Amino acid sequence: MKKRKKARKSKFFLSGKFKLLLLFFILVAGGLFYLVFHFGFDPALLTKLSFYENLANPSIRIIKVEAGLRKEEIAEMVAEKLGWDEREKQNFVNIHLALNTPNLEGRYFPKTYMIHKDETPSEVSATMFQEFSKQTAKILKPKTSKAKQIINEDAVITIASIIQRESNGKNDMKLISGIIWNRIWSGMKLQMDATLQYAKGSEEDGWWEPVSPADKKIKSAYNTYLHKGFPPGAIANPGLSAIEAAYNPQKTDCLFYLHDKKRQIHCAKTYDEHKKNIEKYY
């Protein structure tokens, strides 16, 4: 009888150890799941030892940059994480001046970064620009001669930034891209509200305040209600899906669109049809 009791205790001990190991595995797996889906890490990173070394390094900061932010918004986020002062923040925003290049809005690539707390504005921006080049190199680009005449990278990033701000997610992007390019080919004004938001945005009043009818008269080169063609540059920093959509628009005859109260998109070929959509969905 004593031997049987001992065997039962042994089985209970093994069962307890198994439960602890299972609990540990669940906690680790849950933590990794959280990192991948909350912070947007590439799952492939989970196979690299350097990823875990960085996570364990107290000097590393995790910075998640969402698609569609202005460079000023990204600067505020990074400055808070890395403890930058106002001068360093402005250096990040105006890094193109130090590099002697045009405005680099649109090329601060959105993703989750693991950045050392002592990195400078030039180092952080360089990391984001390198990621931009790496990711956009993967995109399938149009091969027709007509497209090549107008669809250069600067134009694409400008359009992609508008798509990012105007869309209600990935499903809308290629249709909006098709409508924007239709307007470009037709010589129409783009008339995109997001460009007005960029023109009037400020740290004091908000970067993306709603547009009013009066805003359509704002004196700005970014006001696409006043000026034909592309605005001077990107209005935000688009994600990969928006850039892909800008390069590969959906074929459509539509020239107008709106989102209803449920954020569903409805497009129209003519302004009369568009007015009917406004009456129907608003």
Protein backbone atom coordinates (compact mmCIF):
# COMPACT_ATOMS: atom_id res chain seq x y z
CA MET A 1 0.00 0.00 0.00
CA LYS A 2 2.85 2.44 0.81
CA LYS A 3 4.42 1.91 -2.64
CA ARG A 4 1.14 2.80 -4.34
CA LYS A 5 0.91 6.08 -2.41
CA LYS A 6 4.47 6.95 -3.41
CA ALA A 7 3.67 6.26 -7.06
CA ARG A 8 0.62 8.50 -6.86
CA LYS A 9 2.73 11.33 -5.38
CA SER A 10 5.27 10.87 -8.17
CA LYS A 11 2.54 11.07 -10.81
CA PHE A 12 1.11 14.20 -9.16
CA PHE A 13 4.57 15.78 -9.09
CA LEU A 14 5.10 15.10 -12.80
CA SER A 15 1.61 16.36 -13.58
CA GLY A 16 2.34 19.60 -11.66
CA LYS A 17 5.61 20.15 -13.51
CA PHE A 18 3.85 19.60 -16.83
CA LYS A 19 1.21 22.18 -15.93
CA LEU A 20 3.90 24.72 -14.98
CA LEU A 21 5.74 24.12 -18.24
CA LEU A 22 2.48 24.44 -20.18
CA LEU A 23 1.65 27.68 -18.37
CA PHE A 24 5.14 29.02 -19.09
CA PHE A 25 4.78 28.12 -22.77
CA ILE A 26 1.37 29.83 -22.97
CA LEU A 27 2.74 33.00 -21.35
CA VAL A 28 5.74 33.13 -23.69
CA ALA A 29 3.62 32.41 -26.77
CA GLY A 30 1.07 35.01 -25.65
CA GLY A 31 3.81 37.59 -25.17
CA LEU A 32 5.22 36.93 -28.63
CA PHE A 33 1.72 37.06 -30.13
CA TYR A 34 1.23 40.46 -28.46
CA LEU A 35 4.53 41.75 -29.83
CA VAL A 36 3.73 40.64 -33.38
CA PHE A 37 0.15 41.87 -33.57
CA HIS A 38 0.14 44.88 -31.23
CA PHE A 39 3.45 46.38 -32.28
CA GLY A 40 3.32 45.04 -35.85
CA PHE A 41 6.64 43.20 -35.78
CA ASP A 42 7.44 40.96 -38.72
CA PRO A 43 6.87 37.35 -37.51
CA ALA A 44 10.15 36.40 -39.24
CA LEU A 45 11.98 38.39 -36.54
CA LEU A 46 10.95 35.78 -33.98
CA THR A 47 13.51 33.40 -35.47
CA LYS A 48 16.41 35.81 -34.97
CA LEU A 49 18.45 35.87 -31.77
CA SER A 50 19.20 39.59 -32.20
CA PHE A 51 15.47 40.33 -31.84
CA TYR A 52 15.38 38.85 -28.32
CA GLU A 53 18.69 40.50 -27.40
CA ASN A 54 17.22 43.87 -28.35
CA LEU A 55 14.02 43.18 -26.39
CA ALA A 56 16.10 42.41 -23.31
CA ASN A 57 18.31 45.49 -23.76
CA PRO A 58 17.14 48.28 -21.39
CA SER A 59 18.60 50.87 -23.79
CA ILE A 60 16.31 49.83 -26.66
CA ARG A 61 13.03 51.66 -27.23
CA ILE A 62 10.13 50.18 -29.23
CA ILE A 63 8.56 52.86 -31.44
CA LYS A 64 5.48 52.05 -33.49
CA VAL A 65 5.00 54.48 -36.39
CA GLU A 66 1.50 54.28 -37.87
CA ALA A 67 0.88 54.89 -41.57
CA GLY A 68 -0.57 58.28 -42.49
CA LEU A 69 1.25 60.49 -39.99
CA ARG A 70 3.01 63.74 -40.85
CA LYS A 71 6.72 63.89 -40.11
CA GLU A 72 5.97 66.35 -37.27
CA GLU A 73 3.75 63.75 -35.61
CA ILE A 74 6.45 61.09 -35.98
CA ALA A 75 8.99 63.53 -34.52
CA GLU A 76 6.80 64.08 -31.46
CA MET A 77 6.44 60.34 -30.93
CA VAL A 78 10.16 59.60 -31.31
CA ALA A 79 11.15 62.59 -29.18
CA GLU A 80 8.97 61.34 -26.33
CA LYS A 81 10.52 57.86 -26.48
CA LEU A 82 14.14 59.01 -26.83
CA GLY A 83 13.98 62.13 -24.68
CA TRP A 84 14.84 64.58 -27.46
CA ASP A 85 14.63 68.31 -26.87
CA GLU A 86 12.92 70.75 -29.24
CA ARG A 87 16.11 71.32 -31.26
CA GLU A 88 16.57 67.60 -31.90
CA LYS A 89 12.92 67.26 -32.85
CA GLN A 90 13.26 70.05 -35.40
CA ASN A 91 16.45 68.48 -36.75
CA PHE A 92 14.47 65.30 -37.41
CA VAL A 93 11.66 67.18 -39.17
CA ASN A 94 14.09 69.22 -41.28
CA ILE A 95 16.68 66.54 -41.95
CA HIS A 96 16.33 67.25 -45.69
CA LEU A 97 18.06 70.59 -45.11
CA ALA A 98 21.10 68.85 -43.64
CA LEU A 99 21.07 66.34 -46.50
CA ASN A 100 20.56 69.08 -49.11
CA THR A 101 17.56 67.29 -50.64
CA PRO A 102 13.92 68.20 -51.28
CA ASN A 103 11.40 67.71 -48.46
CA LEU A 104 11.44 64.04 -47.42
CA GLU A 105 7.85 63.89 -46.20
CA GLY A 106 6.46 60.56 -47.38
CA ARG A 107 9.69 58.62 -46.85
CA TYR A 108 9.64 58.19 -43.06
CA PHE A 109 8.48 54.62 -43.49
CA PRO A 110 5.78 53.46 -41.04
CA LYS A 111 6.56 50.30 -39.07
CA THR A 112 7.62 49.25 -35.57
CA TYR A 113 11.25 50.11 -34.90
CA MET A 114 13.64 49.03 -32.15
CA ILE A 115 15.84 52.07 -31.61
CA HIS A 116 18.66 52.73 -29.16
CA LYS A 117 17.81 55.53 -26.75
CA ASP A 118 20.95 57.48 -27.71
CA GLU A 119 20.35 57.58 -31.47
CA THR A 120 20.41 61.01 -33.06
CA PRO A 121 17.76 62.53 -35.37
CA SER A 122 19.96 61.85 -38.39
CA GLU A 123 20.44 58.20 -37.38
CA VAL A 124 16.73 57.58 -36.75
CA SER A 125 15.66 59.27 -39.98
CA ALA A 126 18.31 57.32 -41.91
CA THR A 127 16.87 54.06 -40.53
CA MET A 128 13.38 55.05 -41.70
CA PHE A 129 14.59 56.14 -45.15
CA GLN A 130 16.50 52.87 -45.56
CA GLU A 131 13.37 50.92 -44.65
CA PHE A 132 11.42 52.96 -47.21
CA SER A 133 13.91 52.02 -49.95
CA LYS A 134 13.93 48.38 -48.88
CA GLN A 135 10.15 48.02 -48.87
CA THR A 136 9.35 50.01 -52.02
CA ALA A 137 11.94 48.01 -53.99
CA LYS A 138 9.61 45.00 -53.65
CA ILE A 139 6.64 46.70 -55.35
CA LEU A 140 5.57 45.67 -58.83
CA LYS A 141 5.71 48.82 -60.95
CA PRO A 142 3.91 49.57 -64.26
CA LYS A 143 5.85 48.94 -67.46
CA THR A 144 3.87 50.96 -70.03
CA SER A 145 5.65 53.93 -71.59
CA LYS A 146 2.71 56.26 -70.86
CA ALA A 147 2.82 55.43 -67.16
CA LYS A 148 6.58 55.89 -66.96
CA GLN A 149 6.28 59.46 -68.26
CA ILE A 150 4.31 60.60 -65.21
CA ILE A 151 4.57 57.85 -62.60
CA ASN A 152 7.96 58.68 -61.12
CA GLU A 153 8.66 57.94 -57.48
CA ASP A 154 7.98 61.48 -56.23
CA ALA A 155 4.56 61.55 -57.92
CA VAL A 156 3.70 58.09 -56.62
CA ILE A 157 4.61 58.92 -53.02
CA THR A 158 2.56 62.11 -53.21
CA ILE A 159 -0.47 60.19 -54.51
CA ALA A 160 0.12 57.36 -52.02
CA SER A 161 0.08 59.83 -49.14
CA ILE A 162 -3.30 61.18 -50.30
CA ILE A 163 -4.64 57.63 -50.70
CA GLN A 164 -3.47 56.79 -47.17
CA ARG A 165 -5.32 59.76 -45.68
CA GLU A 166 -8.45 59.50 -47.85
CA SER A 167 -9.07 55.75 -47.67
CA ASN A 168 -10.94 53.69 -45.12
CA GLY A 169 -8.42 50.85 -45.21
CA LYS A 170 -6.73 48.65 -47.79
CA ASN A 171 -9.94 47.71 -49.61
CA ASP A 172 -10.53 51.31 -50.76
CA MET A 173 -7.01 52.15 -51.78
CA LYS A 174 -6.78 50.91 -55.36
CA LEU A 175 -10.17 52.38 -56.28
CA ILE A 176 -9.22 55.78 -54.85
CA SER A 177 -5.92 55.51 -56.69
CA GLY A 178 -7.79 54.86 -59.96
CA ILE A 179 -9.99 57.91 -59.39
CA ILE A 180 -7.03 60.14 -58.57
CA TRP A 181 -5.12 59.04 -61.67
CA ASN A 182 -8.27 59.50 -63.80
CA ARG A 183 -8.40 63.09 -62.60
CA ILE A 184 -4.71 63.58 -63.37
CA TRP A 185 -5.06 62.16 -66.90
CA SER A 186 -8.20 64.27 -67.48
CA GLY A 187 -6.58 67.51 -66.38
CA MET A 188 -9.02 67.93 -63.49
CA LYS A 189 -8.26 69.36 -60.09
CA LEU A 190 -7.77 66.63 -57.51
CA GLN A 191 -9.99 68.38 -54.93
CA MET A 192 -8.91 66.17 -52.04
CA ASP A 193 -9.84 67.22 -48.51
CA ALA A 194 -6.74 65.60 -47.06
CA THR A 195 -4.56 68.13 -48.88
CA LEU A 196 -6.50 70.96 -47.20
CA GLN A 197 -5.93 69.31 -43.83
CA TYR A 198 -2.20 69.25 -44.55
CA ALA A 199 -2.23 72.89 -45.68
CA LYS A 200 -3.91 74.16 -42.50
CA GLY A 201 -2.55 71.65 -39.99
CA SER A 202 -0.57 72.90 -37.01
CA GLU A 203 0.63 71.68 -33.63
CA GLU A 204 -1.57 74.26 -31.87
CA ASP A 205 -4.84 73.59 -33.73
CA GLY A 206 -4.31 69.95 -34.68
CA TRP A 207 -2.66 68.27 -37.63
CA TRP A 208 -5.80 66.74 -39.19
CA GLU A 209 -8.74 68.93 -38.31
CA PRO A 210 -12.03 68.50 -40.25
CA VAL A 211 -12.37 70.57 -43.42
CA SER A 212 -14.86 73.44 -43.71
CA PRO A 213 -16.13 75.07 -46.94
CA ALA A 214 -13.97 78.12 -46.17
CA ASP A 215 -10.85 75.94 -46.21
CA LYS A 216 -11.25 75.44 -49.96
CA LYS A 217 -10.00 79.03 -50.39
CA ILE A 218 -6.82 78.53 -48.35
CA LYS A 219 -3.88 80.14 -50.14
CA SER A 220 -1.52 77.19 -50.31
CA ALA A 221 0.21 75.23 -53.04
CA TYR A 222 -1.22 72.14 -51.29
CA ASN A 223 -4.80 73.34 -51.88
CA THR A 224 -5.91 70.95 -54.63
CA TYR A 225 -9.27 72.73 -54.86
CA LEU A 226 -7.43 75.77 -56.26
CA HIS A 227 -4.52 74.20 -58.12
CA LYS A 228 -4.47 71.52 -60.81
CA GLY A 229 -2.08 68.61 -60.80
CA PHE A 230 0.01 67.25 -57.96
CA PRO A 231 0.59 69.16 -54.74
CA PRO A 232 4.26 70.08 -54.15
CA GLY A 233 4.93 66.87 -52.25
CA ALA A 234 3.57 64.17 -49.99
CA ILE A 235 1.11 65.15 -47.26
CA ALA A 236 1.86 62.21 -44.96
CA ASN A 237 3.96 59.07 -44.72
CA PRO A 238 2.09 56.25 -46.47
CA GLY A 239 2.29 52.54 -45.77
CA LEU A 240 3.22 49.88 -48.28
CA SER A 241 -0.39 49.14 -49.30
CA ALA A 242 -1.01 52.78 -50.24
CA ILE A 243 2.23 52.95 -52.23
CA GLU A 244 1.34 49.71 -54.05
CA ALA A 245 -2.10 51.17 -54.83
CA ALA A 246 -0.54 54.35 -56.22
CA TYR A 247 1.62 52.30 -58.59
CA ASN A 248 -1.18 49.89 -59.49
CA PRO A 249 -4.55 51.69 -59.54
CA GLN A 250 -7.83 49.89 -60.09
CA LYS A 251 -9.32 50.37 -63.55
CA THR A 252 -12.44 52.51 -63.20
CA ASP A 253 -14.45 55.13 -65.05
CA CYS A 254 -15.22 56.96 -61.82
CA LEU A 255 -14.07 60.52 -61.21
CA PHE A 256 -15.80 61.13 -57.86
CA TYR A 257 -16.27 59.23 -54.61
CA LEU A 258 -17.52 59.58 -51.08
CA HIS A 259 -17.69 57.51 -47.91
CA ASP A 260 -21.09 57.05 -46.31
CA LYS A 261 -21.75 57.20 -42.58
CA LYS A 262 -20.60 53.58 -42.25
CA ARG A 263 -17.36 54.45 -44.10
CA GLN A 264 -18.37 52.45 -47.19
CA ILE A 265 -17.09 53.95 -50.43
CA HIS A 266 -19.36 54.93 -53.36
CA CYS A 267 -17.97 56.25 -56.62
CA ALA A 268 -19.54 58.03 -59.59
CA LYS A 269 -18.62 58.68 -63.21
CA THR A 270 -20.21 62.14 -63.39
CA TYR A 271 -20.79 65.02 -61.00
CA ASP A 272 -24.55 64.58 -61.34
CA GLU A 273 -24.21 60.96 -60.19
CA HIS A 274 -21.98 62.14 -57.37
CA LYS A 275 -24.61 64.66 -56.21
CA LYS A 276 -27.19 61.85 -56.16
CA ASN A 277 -24.83 59.81 -53.98
CA ILE A 278 -24.50 62.76 -51.63
CA GLU A 279 -28.29 63.01 -51.33
CA LYS A 280 -28.62 59.25 -50.88
CA TYR A 281 -25.89 58.61 -48.33
CA TYR A 282 -25.95 61.84 -46.34
